[in-house]
């Protein structure tokens, strides 16, 4: 596991230490979990976006086909 050095405001660090004590953990663990959530949220957004792009790519041609078919039916009347 790699080490990371942060520059952080003294007051913020003090408050983080208090939170860590209340939660029975460490500031290091709080930071690690926050970074994991950030990374996972971004990865999830990318997966959702890719799925939406694929859905739209499949849906648009069908929608265009239905529109053209409806136009042909109205012309033949």
N, C-alpha and C. Protein backbone atom coordinates (compact mmCIF):
# COMPACT_ATOMS: atom_id res chain seq x y z
N UNK A 1 0.85 -1.17 0.00
CA UNK A 1 0.00 0.00 0.00
C UNK A 1 0.90 1.24 0.00
N UNK A 2 0.54 2.23 -0.77
CA UNK A 2 1.32 3.46 -0.89
C UNK A 2 0.96 4.44 0.22
N UNK A 3 1.88 5.32 0.53
CA UNK A 3 1.65 6.40 1.49
C UNK A 3 1.36 7.68 0.74
N UNK A 4 0.58 8.56 1.38
CA UNK A 4 0.19 9.83 0.79
C UNK A 4 0.35 10.91 1.86
N UNK A 5 0.94 12.03 1.50
CA UNK A 5 1.07 13.16 2.42
C UNK A 5 0.13 14.25 1.96
N UNK A 6 -0.65 14.78 2.91
CA UNK A 6 -1.61 15.83 2.60
C UNK A 6 -1.26 17.11 3.35
N UNK A 7 -1.52 18.23 2.73
CA UNK A 7 -1.47 19.52 3.42
C UNK A 7 -2.93 19.88 3.71
N UNK A 8 -3.26 20.05 4.99
CA UNK A 8 -4.65 20.25 5.37
C UNK A 8 -4.73 21.33 6.45
N UNK A 9 -5.77 22.11 6.42
CA UNK A 9 -5.99 23.16 7.40
C UNK A 9 -6.02 22.56 8.81
N UNK A 10 -5.39 23.24 9.77
CA UNK A 10 -5.30 22.74 11.14
C UNK A 10 -6.67 22.48 11.75
N UNK A 11 -7.59 23.40 11.55
CA UNK A 11 -8.93 23.25 12.12
C UNK A 11 -9.64 22.04 11.51
N UNK A 12 -9.51 21.87 10.21
CA UNK A 12 -10.14 20.74 9.53
C UNK A 12 -9.56 19.42 10.04
N UNK A 13 -8.26 19.36 10.21
CA UNK A 13 -7.64 18.15 10.74
C UNK A 13 -8.11 17.86 12.16
N UNK A 14 -8.20 18.88 12.98
CA UNK A 14 -8.68 18.71 14.35
C UNK A 14 -10.11 18.14 14.35
N UNK A 15 -10.96 18.69 13.49
CA UNK A 15 -12.34 18.21 13.41
C UNK A 15 -12.38 16.78 12.86
N UNK A 16 -11.51 16.47 11.92
CA UNK A 16 -11.45 15.11 11.38
C UNK A 16 -11.00 14.12 12.45
N UNK A 17 -10.05 14.51 13.28
CA UNK A 17 -9.60 13.64 14.38
C UNK A 17 -10.73 13.38 15.36
N UNK A 18 -11.52 14.40 15.66
CA UNK A 18 -12.66 14.23 16.57
C UNK A 18 -13.66 13.25 15.95
N UNK A 19 -13.98 13.44 14.67
CA UNK A 19 -14.91 12.53 13.98
C UNK A 19 -14.38 11.10 14.00
N UNK A 20 -13.09 10.95 13.74
CA UNK A 20 -12.49 9.62 13.73
C UNK A 20 -12.62 8.96 15.10
N UNK A 21 -12.36 9.72 16.17
CA UNK A 21 -12.52 9.17 17.52
C UNK A 21 -13.96 8.75 17.78
N UNK A 22 -14.90 9.59 17.36
CA UNK A 22 -16.33 9.28 17.55
C UNK A 22 -16.72 8.01 16.80
N UNK A 23 -16.10 7.79 15.66
CA UNK A 23 -16.44 6.63 14.82
C UNK A 23 -15.56 5.42 15.13
N UNK A 24 -14.61 5.58 16.03
CA UNK A 24 -13.73 4.48 16.39
C UNK A 24 -12.78 4.09 15.25
N UNK A 25 -12.32 5.07 14.51
CA UNK A 25 -11.44 4.81 13.38
C UNK A 25 -10.32 5.85 13.37
N UNK A 26 -9.62 5.97 12.27
CA UNK A 26 -8.53 6.93 12.14
C UNK A 26 -8.82 7.91 11.01
N UNK A 27 -8.12 9.03 11.04
CA UNK A 27 -8.23 10.00 9.94
C UNK A 27 -7.77 9.34 8.64
N UNK A 28 -6.75 8.52 8.72
CA UNK A 28 -6.27 7.80 7.55
C UNK A 28 -7.38 6.95 6.93
N UNK A 29 -8.11 6.22 7.77
CA UNK A 29 -9.20 5.37 7.26
C UNK A 29 -10.32 6.21 6.67
N UNK A 30 -10.65 7.33 7.31
CA UNK A 30 -11.69 8.22 6.78
C UNK A 30 -11.28 8.73 5.40
N UNK A 31 -10.04 9.15 5.25
CA UNK A 31 -9.55 9.65 3.95
C UNK A 31 -9.57 8.54 2.90
N UNK A 32 -9.11 7.34 3.28
CA UNK A 32 -9.07 6.23 2.34
C UNK A 32 -10.48 5.90 1.84
N UNK A 33 -11.44 5.83 2.76
CA UNK A 33 -12.83 5.53 2.36
C UNK A 33 -13.41 6.63 1.47
N UNK A 34 -13.10 7.88 1.78
CA UNK A 34 -13.60 8.99 0.97
C UNK A 34 -13.05 8.92 -0.45
N UNK A 35 -11.77 8.59 -0.58
CA UNK A 35 -11.16 8.47 -1.92
C UNK A 35 -11.76 7.28 -2.66
N UNK A 36 -11.98 6.17 -1.96
CA UNK A 36 -12.61 5.00 -2.60
C UNK A 36 -14.00 5.34 -3.11
N UNK A 37 -14.80 6.05 -2.30
CA UNK A 37 -16.15 6.45 -2.74
C UNK A 37 -16.08 7.34 -3.96
N UNK A 38 -15.15 8.28 -3.96
CA UNK A 38 -14.98 9.18 -5.10
C UNK A 38 -14.65 8.40 -6.37
N UNK A 39 -13.71 7.49 -6.27
CA UNK A 39 -13.31 6.70 -7.44
C UNK A 39 -14.45 5.80 -7.90
N UNK A 40 -15.10 5.12 -6.96
CA UNK A 40 -16.20 4.22 -7.32
C UNK A 40 -17.37 4.98 -7.92
N UNK A 41 -17.66 6.16 -7.40
CA UNK A 41 -18.77 6.97 -7.94
C UNK A 41 -18.46 7.37 -9.38
N UNK A 42 -17.22 7.77 -9.64
CA UNK A 42 -16.85 8.15 -11.00
C UNK A 42 -16.89 6.96 -11.94
N UNK A 43 -16.43 5.78 -11.47
CA UNK A 43 -16.48 4.58 -12.31
C UNK A 43 -17.92 4.20 -12.59
N UNK A 44 -18.78 4.32 -11.58
CA UNK A 44 -20.20 4.00 -11.78
C UNK A 44 -20.84 4.96 -12.78
N UNK A 45 -20.50 6.24 -12.69
CA UNK A 45 -21.03 7.21 -13.65
C UNK A 45 -20.62 6.84 -15.07
N UNK A 46 -19.37 6.41 -15.23
CA UNK A 46 -18.90 6.01 -16.56
C UNK A 46 -19.67 4.79 -17.07
N UNK A 47 -19.92 3.81 -16.20
CA UNK A 47 -20.69 2.63 -16.60
C UNK A 47 -22.11 3.01 -17.00
N UNK A 48 -22.74 3.87 -16.20
CA UNK A 48 -24.10 4.30 -16.51
C UNK A 48 -24.13 5.06 -17.83
N UNK A 49 -23.18 5.97 -18.01
CA UNK A 49 -23.12 6.74 -19.25
C UNK A 49 -22.92 5.83 -20.46
N UNK A 50 -22.06 4.84 -20.33
CA UNK A 50 -21.83 3.90 -21.44
C UNK A 50 -23.10 3.12 -21.74
N UNK A 51 -23.80 2.70 -20.71
CA UNK A 51 -25.06 1.98 -20.91
C UNK A 51 -26.10 2.85 -21.59
N UNK A 52 -26.19 4.11 -21.18
CA UNK A 52 -27.14 5.02 -21.81
C UNK A 52 -26.79 5.27 -23.28
N UNK A 53 -25.49 5.45 -23.54
CA UNK A 53 -25.08 5.65 -24.95
C UNK A 53 -25.46 4.44 -25.79
N UNK A 54 -25.25 3.23 -25.26
CA UNK A 54 -25.60 2.02 -26.00
C UNK A 54 -27.11 1.94 -26.21
N UNK A 55 -27.88 2.27 -25.18
CA UNK A 55 -29.34 2.24 -25.31
C UNK A 55 -29.83 3.22 -26.36
N UNK A 56 -29.28 4.44 -26.33
CA UNK A 56 -29.69 5.43 -27.32
C UNK A 56 -29.27 5.01 -28.73
N UNK A 57 -28.10 4.42 -28.84
CA UNK A 57 -27.63 3.98 -30.16
C UNK A 57 -28.57 2.94 -30.74
N UNK A 58 -29.11 2.07 -29.89
CA UNK A 58 -30.05 1.05 -30.35
C UNK A 58 -31.45 1.61 -30.56
N UNK A 59 -31.85 2.56 -29.72
CA UNK A 59 -33.22 3.07 -29.77
C UNK A 59 -33.43 4.05 -30.92
N UNK A 60 -32.47 4.87 -31.22
CA UNK A 60 -32.66 5.90 -32.25
C UNK A 60 -32.96 5.31 -33.62
N UNK A 61 -32.24 4.28 -34.07
CA UNK A 61 -32.59 3.73 -35.38
C UNK A 61 -34.01 3.17 -35.41
N UNK A 62 -34.44 2.51 -34.32
CA UNK A 62 -35.80 1.98 -34.29
C UNK A 62 -36.83 3.10 -34.31
N UNK A 63 -36.57 4.17 -33.58
CA UNK A 63 -37.49 5.30 -33.57
C UNK A 63 -37.57 5.94 -34.95
N UNK A 64 -36.45 6.06 -35.60
CA UNK A 64 -36.44 6.62 -36.95
C UNK A 64 -37.21 5.72 -37.91
N UNK A 65 -37.07 4.39 -37.76
CA UNK A 65 -37.80 3.45 -38.61
C UNK A 65 -39.30 3.61 -38.39
N UNK A 66 -39.72 3.71 -37.12
CA UNK A 66 -41.16 3.86 -36.84
C UNK A 66 -41.68 5.17 -37.43
N UNK A 67 -40.89 6.23 -37.37
CA UNK A 67 -41.31 7.52 -37.92
C UNK A 67 -41.45 7.43 -39.43
N UNK A 68 -40.49 6.77 -40.08
CA UNK A 68 -40.57 6.62 -41.54
C UNK A 68 -41.76 5.74 -41.92
N UNK A 69 -42.00 4.67 -41.17
CA UNK A 69 -43.13 3.79 -41.48
C UNK A 69 -44.44 4.53 -41.31
N UNK A 70 -44.56 5.34 -40.28
CA UNK A 70 -45.78 6.12 -40.07
C UNK A 70 -45.98 7.13 -41.19
N UNK A 71 -44.91 7.74 -41.64
CA UNK A 71 -45.00 8.70 -42.73
C UNK A 71 -45.46 8.03 -44.01
N UNK A 72 -44.96 6.82 -44.28
CA UNK A 72 -45.36 6.08 -45.48
C UNK A 72 -46.83 5.71 -45.41
N UNK A 73 -47.30 5.28 -44.21
CA UNK A 73 -48.70 4.92 -44.06
C UNK A 73 -49.61 6.13 -44.31
N UNK A 74 -49.20 7.29 -43.81
CA UNK A 74 -50.04 8.49 -44.00
C UNK A 74 -50.05 8.94 -45.45
N UNK A 75 -48.96 8.69 -46.19
CA UNK A 75 -48.90 9.06 -47.61
C UNK A 75 -49.80 8.16 -48.45
N UNK A 76 -49.95 6.91 -48.04
CA UNK A 76 -50.73 5.98 -48.85
C UNK A 76 -52.22 6.15 -48.63
N UNK A 77 -52.63 6.97 -47.70
CA UNK A 77 -54.07 7.17 -47.43
C UNK A 77 -54.67 8.18 -48.31
